[in-house]
């Protein structure tokens, strides 16, 4: 495949190699936390990816021009105790092993102020597993999210969609490491010190600043919120 030619009309920072170099140079560097937009906001998008939000602090491991803080969150969340009012994380936690997920939830609890809210969006394992059983039972109305878009060059059966969501990913090269249903995620949140874990609907929840769910992920997503108030 030929490389896309260099163009003077294209922003220099839009090139993948430039973004990778900038990320390598600034990742985990604390000067990023002194930027005015980072200092003035009390809401964090943890693992924003290619979907940043202008009213939140956008944090991601990979840098691009809309990322405010380039950070490896396996090393912690780089904000003081109780400094944030809300944390939003969409299709991020499933990319980490369970011990790292537990550590991240404790970190999110630490940086939230009393009464703050975390809103977590992840693939819904229960949805996939129920659909798998329904298809095996012959229910022709049962369809997996993104069925037929797995991108797997192999014969298809219902377990292919289960494998795709449990181990691979439609968009990210990093794959999935931990899957969640509501019960499991609620238990993890309580273990981390959160109160009142609740299953929510798409763009419905406690804090309107956090209702920024991506429309095209609604079909497969589990939405859970919890409060940083003591249980």
C-alpha atoms as a PDB file:
ATOM      1  CA  UNK A   1       0.000   0.000   0.000  1.00  0.00           C
ATOM      2  CA  UNK A   2       1.425   3.382  -0.993  1.00  0.00           C
ATOM      3  CA  UNK A   3       1.896   6.026   1.669  1.00  0.00           C
ATOM      4  CA  UNK A   4      -0.242   9.121   1.549  1.00  0.00           C
ATOM      5  CA  UNK A   5       1.915  11.895   0.065  1.00  0.00           C
ATOM      6  CA  UNK A   6       2.928  14.897   2.091  1.00  0.00           C
ATOM      7  CA  UNK A   7       0.714  17.924   1.487  1.00  0.00           C
ATOM      8  CA  UNK A   8       1.297  21.523   2.553  1.00  0.00           C
ATOM      9  CA  UNK A   9      -2.462  21.952   2.909  1.00  0.00           C
ATOM     10  CA  UNK A  10      -2.663  19.159   5.492  1.00  0.00           C
ATOM     11  CA  UNK A  11      -1.962  20.037   9.152  1.00  0.00           C
ATOM     12  CA  UNK A  12       1.449  18.765  10.211  1.00  0.00           C
ATOM     13  CA  UNK A  13      -0.021  17.278  13.393  1.00  0.00           C
ATOM     14  CA  UNK A  14      -2.496  15.145  11.441  1.00  0.00           C
ATOM     15  CA  UNK A  15       0.239  12.725  10.354  1.00  0.00           C
ATOM     16  CA  UNK A  16       0.331   9.489  12.348  1.00  0.00           C
ATOM     17  CA  UNK A  17       4.113   9.520  12.738  1.00  0.00           C
ATOM     18  CA  UNK A  18       4.031  13.083  14.047  1.00  0.00           C
ATOM     19  CA  UNK A  19       1.308  12.199  16.547  1.00  0.00           C
ATOM     20  CA  UNK A  20       3.262   9.154  17.710  1.00  0.00           C
ATOM     21  CA  UNK A  21       6.410  11.240  18.159  1.00  0.00           C
ATOM     22  CA  UNK A  22       4.586  13.944  20.125  1.00  0.00           C
ATOM     23  CA  UNK A  23       2.939  11.305  22.290  1.00  0.00           C
ATOM     24  CA  UNK A  24       6.298   9.683  23.044  1.00  0.00           C
ATOM     25  CA  UNK A  25       7.778  13.073  23.961  1.00  0.00           C
ATOM     26  CA  UNK A  26       5.033  14.341  26.287  1.00  0.00           C
ATOM     27  CA  UNK A  27       3.334  11.223  27.689  1.00  0.00           C
ATOM     28  CA  UNK A  28       3.154  11.358  31.501  1.00  0.00           C
ATOM     29  CA  UNK A  29       4.796  14.796  31.555  1.00  0.00           C
ATOM     30  CA  UNK A  30       3.126  16.858  34.263  1.00  0.00           C
ATOM     31  CA  UNK A  31       3.477  20.206  32.484  1.00  0.00           C
ATOM     32  CA  UNK A  32       0.321  19.225  30.610  1.00  0.00           C
ATOM     33  CA  UNK A  33      -1.659  19.614  33.834  1.00  0.00           C
ATOM     34  CA  UNK A  34      -0.757  23.310  34.002  1.00  0.00           C
ATOM     35  CA  UNK A  35      -2.558  24.185  30.793  1.00  0.00           C
ATOM     36  CA  UNK A  36      -5.370  26.712  31.401  1.00  0.00           C
ATOM     37  CA  UNK A  37      -8.102  24.464  29.969  1.00  0.00           C
ATOM     38  CA  UNK A  38      -7.006  21.562  32.152  1.00  0.00           C
ATOM     39  CA  UNK A  39      -6.805  23.725  35.275  1.00  0.00           C
ATOM     40  CA  UNK A  40     -10.208  25.332  34.677  1.00  0.00           C
ATOM     41  CA  UNK A  41     -12.292  22.197  34.128  1.00  0.00           C
ATOM     42  CA  UNK A  42     -13.681  19.826  36.755  1.00  0.00           C
ATOM     43  CA  UNK A  43     -14.798  17.164  34.283  1.00  0.00           C
ATOM     44  CA  UNK A  44     -12.593  14.458  32.761  1.00  0.00           C
ATOM     45  CA  UNK A  45     -13.009  12.257  29.687  1.00  0.00           C
ATOM     46  CA  UNK A  46     -10.847   9.273  30.593  1.00  0.00           C
ATOM     47  CA  UNK A  47      -9.666   7.552  27.415  1.00  0.00           C
ATOM     48  CA  UNK A  48     -11.244   9.942  24.939  1.00  0.00           C
ATOM     49  CA  UNK A  49      -9.632   8.299  21.904  1.00  0.00           C
ATOM     50  CA  UNK A  50     -10.638   9.945  18.646  1.00  0.00           C
ATOM     51  CA  UNK A  51     -13.854  11.294  20.177  1.00  0.00           C
ATOM     52  CA  UNK A  52     -12.828  14.265  22.382  1.00  0.00           C
ATOM     53  CA  UNK A  53     -15.323  16.634  23.981  1.00  0.00           C
ATOM     54  CA  UNK A  54     -14.668  20.388  24.113  1.00  0.00           C
ATOM     55  CA  UNK A  55     -16.134  20.884  27.609  1.00  0.00           C
ATOM     56  CA  UNK A  56     -14.096  18.149  29.293  1.00  0.00           C
ATOM     57  CA  UNK A  57     -10.422  17.471  29.927  1.00  0.00           C
ATOM     58  CA  UNK A  58      -9.587  14.968  27.196  1.00  0.00           C
ATOM     59  CA  UNK A  59      -7.079  12.362  28.385  1.00  0.00           C
ATOM     60  CA  UNK A  60      -5.725   9.500  26.295  1.00  0.00           C
ATOM     61  CA  UNK A  61      -2.616   7.360  25.908  1.00  0.00           C
ATOM     62  CA  UNK A  62      -2.320   8.272  22.225  1.00  0.00           C
ATOM     63  CA  UNK A  63      -1.826  11.946  21.378  1.00  0.00           C
ATOM     64  CA  UNK A  64      -3.622  13.958  18.737  1.00  0.00           C
ATOM     65  CA  UNK A  65      -4.278  17.728  18.668  1.00  0.00           C
ATOM     66  CA  UNK A  66      -7.508  17.512  20.712  1.00  0.00           C
ATOM     67  CA  UNK A  67      -5.922  15.499  23.544  1.00  0.00           C
ATOM     68  CA  UNK A  68      -5.282  17.770  26.542  1.00  0.00           C
ATOM     69  CA  UNK A  69      -3.365  15.231  28.622  1.00  0.00           C
ATOM     70  CA  UNK A  70      -1.380  12.398  27.041  1.00  0.00           C
ATOM     71  CA  UNK A  71      -1.075   9.841  29.828  1.00  0.00           C
ATOM     72  CA  UNK A  72      -0.665   6.151  30.596  1.00  0.00           C
ATOM     73  CA  UNK A  73      -3.471   5.624  33.112  1.00  0.00           C
ATOM     74  CA  UNK A  74      -2.058   2.287  34.229  1.00  0.00           C
ATOM     75  CA  UNK A  75       0.299   4.562  36.183  1.00  0.00           C
ATOM     76  CA  UNK A  76      -2.604   6.392  37.836  1.00  0.00           C
ATOM     77  CA  UNK A  77      -4.941   9.290  37.080  1.00  0.00           C
ATOM     78  CA  UNK A  78      -2.858  12.498  37.323  1.00  0.00           C
ATOM     79  CA  UNK A  79      -5.183  14.735  39.338  1.00  0.00           C
ATOM     80  CA  UNK A  80      -5.316  15.650  43.034  1.00  0.00           C
ATOM     81  CA  UNK A  81      -7.672  13.992  45.490  1.00  0.00           C
ATOM     82  CA  UNK A  82     -11.227  15.300  45.237  1.00  0.00           C
ATOM     83  CA  UNK A  83     -10.432  17.724  42.419  1.00  0.00           C
ATOM     84  CA  UNK A  84     -13.060  16.640  39.865  1.00  0.00           C
ATOM     85  CA  UNK A  85     -16.839  16.760  39.798  1.00  0.00           C
ATOM     86  CA  UNK A  86     -17.348  14.199  37.076  1.00  0.00           C
ATOM     87  CA  UNK A  87     -15.520  11.503  35.125  1.00  0.00           C
ATOM     88  CA  UNK A  88     -16.751  10.070  31.829  1.00  0.00           C
ATOM     89  CA  UNK A  89     -15.220   6.941  30.316  1.00  0.00           C
ATOM     90  CA  UNK A  90     -16.595   5.399  27.123  1.00  0.00           C
ATOM     91  CA  UNK A  91     -15.350   2.089  25.735  1.00  0.00           C
ATOM     92  CA  UNK A  92     -12.056   2.318  27.576  1.00  0.00           C
ATOM     93  CA  UNK A  93     -12.055   0.025  30.627  1.00  0.00           C
ATOM     94  CA  UNK A  94     -12.623  -3.149  28.613  1.00  0.00           C
ATOM     95  CA  UNK A  95      -9.149  -2.737  27.100  1.00  0.00           C
ATOM     96  CA  UNK A  96      -7.431  -3.430  30.459  1.00  0.00           C
ATOM     97  CA  UNK A  97      -6.926  -6.605  32.518  1.00  0.00           C
ATOM     98  CA  UNK A  98      -9.152  -6.891  35.575  1.00  0.00           C
ATOM     99  CA  UNK A  99      -6.454  -5.929  38.150  1.00  0.00           C
ATOM    100  CA  UNK A 100      -5.833  -2.699  36.219  1.00  0.00           C
ATOM    101  CA  UNK A 101      -9.579  -2.002  36.011  1.00  0.00           C
ATOM    102  CA  UNK A 102      -9.860  -2.311  39.793  1.00  0.00           C
ATOM    103  CA  UNK A 103      -6.917   0.044  40.231  1.00  0.00           C
ATOM    104  CA  UNK A 104      -8.422   2.580  37.799  1.00  0.00           C
ATOM    105  CA  UNK A 105     -11.778   2.582  39.563  1.00  0.00           C
ATOM    106  CA  UNK A 106     -10.021   3.314  42.864  1.00  0.00           C
ATOM    107  CA  UNK A 107      -8.137   6.155  41.158  1.00  0.00           C
ATOM    108  CA  UNK A 108     -11.352   7.604  39.732  1.00  0.00           C
ATOM    109  CA  UNK A 109     -12.911   7.443  43.205  1.00  0.00           C
ATOM    110  CA  UNK A 110      -9.871   9.235  44.631  1.00  0.00           C
ATOM    111  CA  UNK A 111      -9.976  12.191  42.225  1.00  0.00           C
ATOM    112  CA  UNK A 112     -13.739  12.751  42.502  1.00  0.00           C
ATOM    113  CA  UNK A 113     -15.036  15.288  44.985  1.00  0.00           C
ATOM    114  CA  UNK A 114     -17.793  14.228  47.420  1.00  0.00           C
ATOM    115  CA  UNK A 115     -21.010  13.993  45.449  1.00  0.00           C
ATOM    116  CA  UNK A 116     -19.176  13.641  42.141  1.00  0.00           C
ATOM    117  CA  UNK A 117     -20.343  11.228  39.466  1.00  0.00           C
ATOM    118  CA  UNK A 118     -18.588   8.656  37.322  1.00  0.00           C
ATOM    119  CA  UNK A 119     -20.316   7.559  34.109  1.00  0.00           C
ATOM    120  CA  UNK A 120     -18.878   4.411  32.552  1.00  0.00           C
ATOM    121  CA  UNK A 121     -19.817   3.080  29.133  1.00  0.00           C
ATOM    122  CA  UNK A 122     -18.594  -0.378  28.093  1.00  0.00           C
ATOM    123  CA  UNK A 123     -19.736  -3.170  25.770  1.00  0.00           C
ATOM    124  CA  UNK A 124     -22.614  -5.067  27.386  1.00  0.00           C
ATOM    125  CA  UNK A 125     -21.463  -8.674  27.860  1.00  0.00           C
ATOM    126  CA  UNK A 126     -24.939  -9.759  28.938  1.00  0.00           C
ATOM    127  CA  UNK A 127     -26.425  -8.486  25.673  1.00  0.00           C
ATOM    128  CA  UNK A 128     -23.966 -10.548  23.635  1.00  0.00           C
ATOM    129  CA  UNK A 129     -24.353 -13.697  25.704  1.00  0.00           C
ATOM    130  CA  UNK A 130     -28.146 -13.555  25.695  1.00  0.00           C
ATOM    131  CA  UNK A 131     -28.108 -13.013  21.937  1.00  0.00           C
ATOM    132  CA  UNK A 132     -25.762 -15.989  21.543  1.00  0.00           C
ATOM    133  CA  UNK A 133     -28.139 -18.287  23.436  1.00  0.00           C
ATOM    134  CA  UNK A 134     -31.175 -16.972  21.535  1.00  0.00           C
ATOM    135  CA  UNK A 135     -29.481 -17.652  18.195  1.00  0.00           C
ATOM    136  CA  UNK A 136     -28.519 -21.175  19.263  1.00  0.00           C
ATOM    137  CA  UNK A 137     -32.168 -21.703  20.213  1.00  0.00           C
ATOM    138  CA  UNK A 138     -33.223 -20.706  16.706  1.00  0.00           C
ATOM    139  CA  UNK A 139     -34.554 -17.223  17.404  1.00  0.00           C
ATOM    140  CA  UNK A 140     -34.192 -15.569  14.009  1.00  0.00           C
ATOM    141  CA  UNK A 141     -35.069 -12.153  15.470  1.00  0.00           C
ATOM    142  CA  UNK A 142     -31.947 -12.160  17.646  1.00  0.00           C
ATOM    143  CA  UNK A 143     -29.167 -10.154  15.979  1.00  0.00           C
ATOM    144  CA  UNK A 144     -25.792  -9.198  17.468  1.00  0.00           C
ATOM    145  CA  UNK A 145     -24.682  -5.566  17.405  1.00  0.00           C
ATOM    146  CA  UNK A 146     -22.641  -5.070  14.233  1.00  0.00           C
ATOM    147  CA  UNK A 147     -23.367  -8.634  13.120  1.00  0.00           C
ATOM    148  CA  UNK A 148     -21.611  -9.261   9.841  1.00  0.00           C
ATOM    149  CA  UNK A 149     -19.027  -6.534  10.465  1.00  0.00           C
ATOM    150  CA  UNK A 150     -16.556  -8.592  12.491  1.00  0.00           C
ATOM    151  CA  UNK A 151     -13.895  -8.372   9.795  1.00  0.00           C
ATOM    152  CA  UNK A 152     -12.920 -12.004  10.412  1.00  0.00           C
ATOM    153  CA  UNK A 153     -11.952 -14.021   7.343  1.00  0.00           C
ATOM    154  CA  UNK A 154     -13.512 -17.285   8.519  1.00  0.00           C
ATOM    155  CA  UNK A 155     -16.856 -19.120   8.449  1.00  0.00           C
ATOM    156  CA  UNK A 156     -19.385 -17.329  10.622  1.00  0.00           C
ATOM    157  CA  UNK A 157     -21.354 -18.751  13.530  1.00  0.00           C
ATOM    158  CA  UNK A 158     -22.818 -17.005  16.609  1.00  0.00           C
ATOM    159  CA  UNK A 159     -19.658 -17.559  18.648  1.00  0.00           C
ATOM    160  CA  UNK A 160     -17.719 -15.393  16.172  1.00  0.00           C
ATOM    161  CA  UNK A 161     -19.565 -12.310  17.443  1.00  0.00           C
ATOM    162  CA  UNK A 162     -18.916 -13.390  21.029  1.00  0.00           C
ATOM    163  CA  UNK A 163     -15.205 -13.813  20.280  1.00  0.00           C
ATOM    164  CA  UNK A 164     -15.078 -10.448  18.558  1.00  0.00           C
ATOM    165  CA  UNK A 165     -16.452  -8.493  21.495  1.00  0.00           C
ATOM    166  CA  UNK A 166     -14.619 -10.491  24.167  1.00  0.00           C
ATOM    167  CA  UNK A 167     -11.166 -10.601  22.597  1.00  0.00           C
ATOM    168  CA  UNK A 168     -10.979  -8.237  19.659  1.00  0.00           C
ATOM    169  CA  UNK A 169     -12.471  -4.857  18.774  1.00  0.00           C
ATOM    170  CA  UNK A 170     -14.062  -3.338  15.707  1.00  0.00           C
ATOM    171  CA  UNK A 171     -11.990  -0.150  15.768  1.00  0.00           C
ATOM    172  CA  UNK A 172      -8.993  -0.433  18.090  1.00  0.00           C
ATOM    173  CA  UNK A 173      -5.892  -2.577  17.449  1.00  0.00           C
ATOM    174  CA  UNK A 174      -5.513  -3.201  21.185  1.00  0.00           C
ATOM    175  CA  UNK A 175      -8.330  -5.674  21.755  1.00  0.00           C
ATOM    176  CA  UNK A 176     -10.486  -6.325  24.801  1.00  0.00           C
ATOM    177  CA  UNK A 177      -9.210  -7.763  28.072  1.00  0.00           C
ATOM    178  CA  UNK A 178     -12.164  -7.614  30.499  1.00  0.00           C
ATOM    179  CA  UNK A 179     -15.899  -7.756  29.821  1.00  0.00           C
ATOM    180  CA  UNK A 180     -18.682  -6.496  32.070  1.00  0.00           C
ATOM    181  CA  UNK A 181     -22.340  -6.956  32.768  1.00  0.00           C
ATOM    182  CA  UNK A 182     -24.159  -4.573  35.108  1.00  0.00           C
ATOM    183  CA  UNK A 183     -23.886  -6.815  38.170  1.00  0.00           C
ATOM    184  CA  UNK A 184     -20.113  -7.230  37.840  1.00  0.00           C
ATOM    185  CA  UNK A 185     -19.409  -3.560  37.151  1.00  0.00           C
ATOM    186  CA  UNK A 186     -21.627  -2.513  40.061  1.00  0.00           C
ATOM    187  CA  UNK A 187     -19.698  -4.839  42.387  1.00  0.00           C
ATOM    188  CA  UNK A 188     -16.394  -3.392  41.188  1.00  0.00           C
ATOM    189  CA  UNK A 189     -17.630   0.152  41.742  1.00  0.00           C
ATOM    190  CA  UNK A 190     -18.761  -0.663  45.276  1.00  0.00           C
ATOM    191  CA  UNK A 191     -15.424  -2.320  45.990  1.00  0.00           C
ATOM    192  CA  UNK A 192     -13.691   0.895  44.860  1.00  0.00           C
ATOM    193  CA  UNK A 193     -15.742   2.956  47.340  1.00  0.00           C
ATOM    194  CA  UNK A 194     -18.567   4.238  45.157  1.00  0.00           C
ATOM    195  CA  UNK A 195     -22.186   4.399  46.229  1.00  0.00           C
ATOM    196  CA  UNK A 196     -25.452   3.800  44.402  1.00  0.00           C
ATOM    197  CA  UNK A 197     -24.285   2.152  41.164  1.00  0.00           C
ATOM    198  CA  UNK A 198     -27.169   2.438  38.726  1.00  0.00           C
ATOM    199  CA  UNK A 199     -27.806   1.192  35.229  1.00  0.00           C
ATOM    200  CA  UNK A 200     -28.702   4.140  33.028  1.00  0.00           C
ATOM    201  CA  UNK A 201     -30.041   4.686  29.547  1.00  0.00           C
ATOM    202  CA  UNK A 202     -28.348   6.364  26.606  1.00  0.00           C
ATOM    203  CA  UNK A 203     -27.811  10.057  27.469  1.00  0.00           C
ATOM    204  CA  UNK A 204     -29.820   9.831  30.677  1.00  0.00           C
ATOM    205  CA  UNK A 205     -28.163  10.291  34.057  1.00  0.00           C
ATOM    206  CA  UNK A 206     -27.364  12.389  37.110  1.00  0.00           C
ATOM    207  CA  UNK A 207     -25.113  15.057  35.615  1.00  0.00           C
ATOM    208  CA  UNK A 208     -25.952  16.610  32.254  1.00  0.00           C
ATOM    209  CA  UNK A 209     -22.262  17.440  31.665  1.00  0.00           C
ATOM    210  CA  UNK A 210     -21.575  13.699  31.411  1.00  0.00           C
ATOM    211  CA  UNK A 211     -24.379  12.843  28.978  1.00  0.00           C
ATOM    212  CA  UNK A 212     -22.142  12.773  25.915  1.00  0.00           C
ATOM    213  CA  UNK A 213     -22.521   9.133  24.899  1.00  0.00           C
ATOM    214  CA  UNK A 214     -21.592   8.357  21.298  1.00  0.00           C
ATOM    215  CA  UNK A 215     -24.672   7.606  19.216  1.00  0.00           C
ATOM    216  CA  UNK A 216     -23.222   4.810  17.096  1.00  0.00           C
ATOM    217  CA  UNK A 217     -22.104   2.857  20.196  1.00  0.00           C
ATOM    218  CA  UNK A 218     -25.596   2.826  21.714  1.00  0.00           C
ATOM    219  CA  UNK A 219     -26.476  -0.486  20.056  1.00  0.00           C
ATOM    220  CA  UNK A 220     -23.986  -2.475  22.174  1.00  0.00           C
ATOM    221  CA  UNK A 221     -23.335  -0.371  25.259  1.00  0.00           C
ATOM    222  CA  UNK A 222     -23.906  -0.727  28.974  1.00  0.00           C
ATOM    223  CA  UNK A 223     -24.290   2.638  30.786  1.00  0.00           C
ATOM    224  CA  UNK A 224     -23.521   2.732  34.512  1.00  0.00           C
ATOM    225  CA  UNK A 225     -23.198   5.651  36.916  1.00  0.00           C
ATOM    226  CA  UNK A 226     -22.148   5.826  40.558  1.00  0.00           C
ATOM    227  CA  UNK A 227     -21.670   8.520  43.187  1.00  0.00           C
ATOM    228  CA  UNK A 228     -18.505   9.294  45.082  1.00  0.00           C
ATOM    229  CA  UNK A 229     -20.507   9.731  48.295  1.00  0.00           C
ATOM    230  CA  UNK A 230     -19.589   7.121  50.919  1.00  0.00           C
ATOM    231  CA  UNK A 231     -21.767   4.019  50.784  1.00  0.00           C
END
